[in-house]
Amino acid sequence: MAASILVTAVLTSGLTQWAMTRDAPDSFAAAVASSHRRSLLAASPVDVASSDRHTVKPWLDARIGLSPAAPDLVKDGFSLLGGRIEVIADKPIPALVYKHREHLISLVAAPQDGRTASIPAGAERSAGGFSLIRWADGAFTYWAISDTDRATLEDFVSRFREAAAAG
């Protein structure tokens, strides 16, 4: 009798947990959206202001020990403004900031671990009212977020991925 009560309690709590979280927004995506919104409200959206990747990458690397590729996309209409450090899930994570016309694009680059390795390339969604595209390259899971239109964000992601792969 006690065993059946225990099994029922475990199953009920598991079903309750599943029902409560199945439609909940991804907490990492929500944190990326919050950090992007915060950067738009700040005096400066970057911690290090530079359009030179040879300044931004070493700055990030010196502070948190890693930095993603920071290709020069100015000829494609996306200028690098600089970088900043986000703290998501109690971990410092590098973010690059690009500008296209009057819109800022934050590119958060979370180091891959066992949880992020299964993210499909080009997974798209929205978070916090912003368009969001995420993909992985083996070293990082990238989250590009902006209030620009979806086509422009897709164009940015395509150009960034191509330039980063080319080195």
C-alpha atoms as a PDB file:
ATOM      1  CA  MET A   1       0.000   0.000   0.000  1.00  0.00           C
ATOM      2  CA  ALA A   2       2.797   2.440   0.913  1.00  0.00           C
ATOM      3  CA  ALA A   3       4.613   1.640  -2.310  1.00  0.00           C
ATOM      4  CA  SER A   4       1.543   2.416  -4.430  1.00  0.00           C
ATOM      5  CA  ILE A   5       1.084   5.744  -2.623  1.00  0.00           C
ATOM      6  CA  LEU A   6       4.741   6.592  -3.239  1.00  0.00           C
ATOM      7  CA  VAL A   7       4.504   5.684  -6.946  1.00  0.00           C
ATOM      8  CA  THR A   8       1.316   7.748  -7.315  1.00  0.00           C
ATOM      9  CA  ALA A   9       2.941  10.761  -5.608  1.00  0.00           C
ATOM     10  CA  VAL A  10       6.025  10.575  -7.837  1.00  0.00           C
ATOM     11  CA  LEU A  11       3.975  10.234 -11.024  1.00  0.00           C
ATOM     12  CA  THR A  12       1.645  13.060 -10.016  1.00  0.00           C
ATOM     13  CA  SER A  13       4.488  15.442  -9.206  1.00  0.00           C
ATOM     14  CA  GLY A  14       6.251  14.541 -12.457  1.00  0.00           C
ATOM     15  CA  LEU A  15       3.113  15.187 -14.510  1.00  0.00           C
ATOM     16  CA  THR A  16       2.557  18.475 -12.695  1.00  0.00           C
ATOM     17  CA  GLN A  17       6.128  19.570 -13.422  1.00  0.00           C
ATOM     18  CA  TRP A  18       5.753  18.601 -17.090  1.00  0.00           C
ATOM     19  CA  ALA A  19       2.444  20.464 -17.423  1.00  0.00           C
ATOM     20  CA  MET A  20       3.892  23.588 -15.798  1.00  0.00           C
ATOM     21  CA  THR A  21       7.040  23.749 -17.956  1.00  0.00           C
ATOM     22  CA  ARG A  22       6.024  22.406 -21.366  1.00  0.00           C
ATOM     23  CA  ASP A  23       4.795  25.805 -22.598  1.00  0.00           C
ATOM     24  CA  ALA A  24       7.205  27.939 -20.555  1.00  0.00           C
ATOM     25  CA  PRO A  25       9.604  30.082 -22.590  1.00  0.00           C
ATOM     26  CA  ASP A  26      13.166  28.847 -22.830  1.00  0.00           C
ATOM     27  CA  SER A  27      14.956  30.491 -19.939  1.00  0.00           C
ATOM     28  CA  PHE A  28      18.158  31.052 -21.912  1.00  0.00           C
ATOM     29  CA  ALA A  29      16.256  32.721 -24.754  1.00  0.00           C
ATOM     30  CA  ALA A  30      14.420  34.877 -22.217  1.00  0.00           C
ATOM     31  CA  ALA A  31      17.741  35.853 -20.619  1.00  0.00           C
ATOM     32  CA  VAL A  32      19.193  36.748 -24.039  1.00  0.00           C
ATOM     33  CA  ALA A  33      16.130  38.902 -24.754  1.00  0.00           C
ATOM     34  CA  SER A  34      16.436  40.615 -21.364  1.00  0.00           C
ATOM     35  CA  SER A  35      20.125  41.345 -21.874  1.00  0.00           C
ATOM     36  CA  HIS A  36      19.438  42.756 -25.351  1.00  0.00           C
ATOM     37  CA  ARG A  37      16.660  44.972 -23.987  1.00  0.00           C
ATOM     38  CA  ARG A  38      18.934  46.136 -21.153  1.00  0.00           C
ATOM     39  CA  SER A  39      21.666  47.026 -23.654  1.00  0.00           C
ATOM     40  CA  LEU A  40      19.210  49.136 -25.650  1.00  0.00           C
ATOM     41  CA  LEU A  41      18.331  51.101 -22.507  1.00  0.00           C
ATOM     42  CA  ALA A  42      21.925  51.599 -21.349  1.00  0.00           C
ATOM     43  CA  ALA A  43      24.056  54.633 -22.119  1.00  0.00           C
ATOM     44  CA  SER A  44      26.178  52.343 -24.297  1.00  0.00           C
ATOM     45  CA  PRO A  45      25.218  48.909 -25.630  1.00  0.00           C
ATOM     46  CA  VAL A  46      28.851  47.740 -25.398  1.00  0.00           C
ATOM     47  CA  ASP A  47      31.542  47.407 -22.731  1.00  0.00           C
ATOM     48  CA  VAL A  48      34.322  47.828 -25.277  1.00  0.00           C
ATOM     49  CA  ALA A  49      33.533  50.144 -28.174  1.00  0.00           C
ATOM     50  CA  SER A  50      35.507  49.299 -31.295  1.00  0.00           C
ATOM     51  CA  SER A  51      34.829  48.342 -34.870  1.00  0.00           C
ATOM     52  CA  ASP A  52      38.156  46.476 -34.914  1.00  0.00           C
ATOM     53  CA  ARG A  53      37.805  42.769 -34.181  1.00  0.00           C
ATOM     54  CA  HIS A  54      41.480  42.773 -33.178  1.00  0.00           C
ATOM     55  CA  THR A  55      40.462  44.965 -30.251  1.00  0.00           C
ATOM     56  CA  VAL A  56      37.151  43.307 -29.327  1.00  0.00           C
ATOM     57  CA  LYS A  57      38.283  39.661 -29.354  1.00  0.00           C
ATOM     58  CA  PRO A  58      41.353  40.161 -27.128  1.00  0.00           C
ATOM     59  CA  TRP A  59      39.316  42.332 -24.736  1.00  0.00           C
ATOM     60  CA  LEU A  60      36.728  39.565 -24.287  1.00  0.00           C
ATOM     61  CA  ASP A  61      39.378  36.851 -24.087  1.00  0.00           C
ATOM     62  CA  ALA A  62      41.332  38.725 -21.394  1.00  0.00           C
ATOM     63  CA  ARG A  63      38.249  39.074 -19.198  1.00  0.00           C
ATOM     64  CA  ILE A  64      36.440  35.749 -19.561  1.00  0.00           C
ATOM     65  CA  GLY A  65      38.917  33.496 -21.357  1.00  0.00           C
ATOM     66  CA  LEU A  66      37.016  33.079 -24.589  1.00  0.00           C
ATOM     67  CA  SER A  67      35.740  35.043 -27.529  1.00  0.00           C
ATOM     68  CA  PRO A  68      33.833  34.142 -30.678  1.00  0.00           C
ATOM     69  CA  ALA A  69      34.779  35.061 -34.217  1.00  0.00           C
ATOM     70  CA  ALA A  70      34.074  38.728 -34.909  1.00  0.00           C
ATOM     71  CA  PRO A  71      34.120  39.057 -38.685  1.00  0.00           C
ATOM     72  CA  ASP A  72      34.111  42.422 -40.394  1.00  0.00           C
ATOM     73  CA  LEU A  73      30.729  42.674 -42.124  1.00  0.00           C
ATOM     74  CA  VAL A  74      30.740  46.406 -42.819  1.00  0.00           C
ATOM     75  CA  LYS A  75      30.774  45.859 -46.589  1.00  0.00           C
ATOM     76  CA  ASP A  76      27.542  43.885 -46.116  1.00  0.00           C
ATOM     77  CA  GLY A  77      25.905  46.693 -44.136  1.00  0.00           C
ATOM     78  CA  PHE A  78      26.531  45.300 -40.642  1.00  0.00           C
ATOM     79  CA  SER A  79      29.117  47.280 -38.693  1.00  0.00           C
ATOM     80  CA  LEU A  80      30.718  45.944 -35.533  1.00  0.00           C
ATOM     81  CA  LEU A  81      30.152  48.365 -32.649  1.00  0.00           C
ATOM     82  CA  GLY A  82      32.014  46.348 -30.023  1.00  0.00           C
ATOM     83  CA  GLY A  83      31.425  43.709 -27.400  1.00  0.00           C
ATOM     84  CA  ARG A  84      30.122  43.196 -23.910  1.00  0.00           C
ATOM     85  CA  ILE A  85      29.987  40.511 -21.278  1.00  0.00           C
ATOM     86  CA  GLU A  86      26.615  39.075 -20.366  1.00  0.00           C
ATOM     87  CA  VAL A  87      25.993  37.028 -17.245  1.00  0.00           C
ATOM     88  CA  ILE A  88      23.447  34.326 -17.988  1.00  0.00           C
ATOM     89  CA  ALA A  89      22.795  31.440 -15.612  1.00  0.00           C
ATOM     90  CA  ASP A  90      25.605  32.793 -13.412  1.00  0.00           C
ATOM     91  CA  LYS A  91      28.167  32.420 -16.222  1.00  0.00           C
ATOM     92  CA  PRO A  92      29.970  35.203 -18.084  1.00  0.00           C
ATOM     93  CA  ILE A  93      29.198  34.949 -21.799  1.00  0.00           C
ATOM     94  CA  PRO A  94      30.617  37.069 -24.640  1.00  0.00           C
ATOM     95  CA  ALA A  95      28.318  39.161 -26.788  1.00  0.00           C
ATOM     96  CA  LEU A  96      29.135  41.064 -29.962  1.00  0.00           C
ATOM     97  CA  VAL A  97      27.082  44.050 -31.057  1.00  0.00           C
ATOM     98  CA  TYR A  98      26.545  44.910 -34.700  1.00  0.00           C
ATOM     99  CA  LYS A  99      24.551  47.762 -36.186  1.00  0.00           C
ATOM    100  CA  HIS A 100      22.429  47.722 -39.337  1.00  0.00           C
ATOM    101  CA  ARG A 101      20.935  51.101 -40.173  1.00  0.00           C
ATOM    102  CA  GLU A 102      19.289  52.161 -36.899  1.00  0.00           C
ATOM    103  CA  HIS A 103      18.950  48.631 -35.485  1.00  0.00           C
ATOM    104  CA  LEU A 104      21.303  46.880 -33.103  1.00  0.00           C
ATOM    105  CA  ILE A 105      21.946  43.165 -33.361  1.00  0.00           C
ATOM    106  CA  SER A 106      23.276  41.423 -30.264  1.00  0.00           C
ATOM    107  CA  LEU A 107      25.122  38.197 -30.915  1.00  0.00           C
ATOM    108  CA  VAL A 108      25.483  36.156 -27.740  1.00  0.00           C
ATOM    109  CA  ALA A 109      27.971  33.286 -28.020  1.00  0.00           C
ATOM    110  CA  ALA A 110      27.529  30.633 -25.341  1.00  0.00           C
ATOM    111  CA  PRO A 111      30.262  27.989 -25.168  1.00  0.00           C
ATOM    112  CA  GLN A 112      28.802  24.635 -26.139  1.00  0.00           C
ATOM    113  CA  ASP A 113      28.236  21.955 -23.572  1.00  0.00           C
ATOM    114  CA  GLY A 114      26.221  18.749 -23.551  1.00  0.00           C
ATOM    115  CA  ARG A 115      22.919  20.629 -23.444  1.00  0.00           C
ATOM    116  CA  THR A 116      23.556  22.925 -26.399  1.00  0.00           C
ATOM    117  CA  ALA A 117      25.218  20.436 -28.749  1.00  0.00           C
ATOM    118  CA  SER A 118      21.841  19.198 -30.002  1.00  0.00           C
ATOM    119  CA  ILE A 119      20.533  22.596 -31.126  1.00  0.00           C
ATOM    120  CA  PRO A 120      19.619  22.415 -34.794  1.00  0.00           C
ATOM    121  CA  ALA A 121      21.269  24.919 -37.097  1.00  0.00           C
ATOM    122  CA  GLY A 122      19.064  27.896 -37.851  1.00  0.00           C
ATOM    123  CA  ALA A 123      16.557  27.320 -35.057  1.00  0.00           C
ATOM    124  CA  GLU A 124      14.374  30.386 -35.055  1.00  0.00           C
ATOM    125  CA  ARG A 125      11.967  31.940 -32.603  1.00  0.00           C
ATOM    126  CA  SER A 126      11.113  35.176 -30.961  1.00  0.00           C
ATOM    127  CA  ALA A 127      11.771  36.183 -27.392  1.00  0.00           C
ATOM    128  CA  GLY A 128      10.728  39.252 -25.475  1.00  0.00           C
ATOM    129  CA  GLY A 129       9.266  40.826 -28.612  1.00  0.00           C
ATOM    130  CA  PHE A 130      12.527  40.469 -30.558  1.00  0.00           C
ATOM    131  CA  SER A 131      13.396  38.180 -33.450  1.00  0.00           C
ATOM    132  CA  LEU A 132      15.889  35.536 -32.414  1.00  0.00           C
ATOM    133  CA  ILE A 133      17.898  33.029 -34.444  1.00  0.00           C
ATOM    134  CA  ARG A 134      20.197  30.468 -32.874  1.00  0.00           C
ATOM    135  CA  TRP A 135      22.683  28.037 -34.315  1.00  0.00           C
ATOM    136  CA  ALA A 136      25.777  26.139 -33.263  1.00  0.00           C
ATOM    137  CA  ASP A 137      29.186  25.753 -34.857  1.00  0.00           C
ATOM    138  CA  GLY A 138      30.866  23.207 -32.596  1.00  0.00           C
ATOM    139  CA  ALA A 139      32.507  25.700 -30.252  1.00  0.00           C
ATOM    140  CA  PHE A 140      29.638  28.099 -29.534  1.00  0.00           C
ATOM    141  CA  THR A 141      25.889  28.259 -29.655  1.00  0.00           C
ATOM    142  CA  TYR A 142      25.051  31.648 -31.123  1.00  0.00           C
ATOM    143  CA  TRP A 143      21.936  33.687 -30.400  1.00  0.00           C
ATOM    144  CA  ALA A 144      21.363  36.617 -32.784  1.00  0.00           C
ATOM    145  CA  ILE A 145      18.638  38.942 -31.515  1.00  0.00           C
ATOM    146  CA  SER A 146      17.287  42.237 -32.809  1.00  0.00           C
ATOM    147  CA  ASP A 147      14.192  44.313 -33.387  1.00  0.00           C
ATOM    148  CA  THR A 148      14.980  44.450 -37.103  1.00  0.00           C
ATOM    149  CA  ASP A 149      12.806  42.528 -39.547  1.00  0.00           C
ATOM    150  CA  ARG A 150      13.251  38.755 -39.819  1.00  0.00           C
ATOM    151  CA  ALA A 151      14.739  38.902 -43.344  1.00  0.00           C
ATOM    152  CA  THR A 152      17.485  41.309 -42.245  1.00  0.00           C
ATOM    153  CA  LEU A 153      18.336  39.165 -39.221  1.00  0.00           C
ATOM    154  CA  GLU A 154      18.473  36.051 -41.412  1.00  0.00           C
ATOM    155  CA  ASP A 155      20.754  37.931 -43.827  1.00  0.00           C
ATOM    156  CA  PHE A 156      23.037  38.921 -40.938  1.00  0.00           C
ATOM    157  CA  VAL A 157      23.204  35.343 -39.648  1.00  0.00           C
ATOM    158  CA  SER A 158      23.971  33.986 -43.107  1.00  0.00           C
ATOM    159  CA  ARG A 159      26.754  36.506 -43.687  1.00  0.00           C
ATOM    160  CA  PHE A 160      28.185  36.052 -40.176  1.00  0.00           C
ATOM    161  CA  ARG A 161      28.262  32.254 -40.516  1.00  0.00           C
ATOM    162  CA  GLU A 162      29.897  32.443 -43.936  1.00  0.00           C
ATOM    163  CA  ALA A 163      32.537  34.951 -42.807  1.00  0.00           C
ATOM    164  CA  ALA A 164      33.248  33.097 -39.551  1.00  0.00           C
ATOM    165  CA  ALA A 165      33.705  29.795 -41.411  1.00  0.00           C
ATOM    166  CA  ALA A 166      36.074  31.468 -43.881  1.00  0.00           C
ATOM    167  CA  GLY A 167      38.214  32.642 -40.989  1.00  0.00           C
END
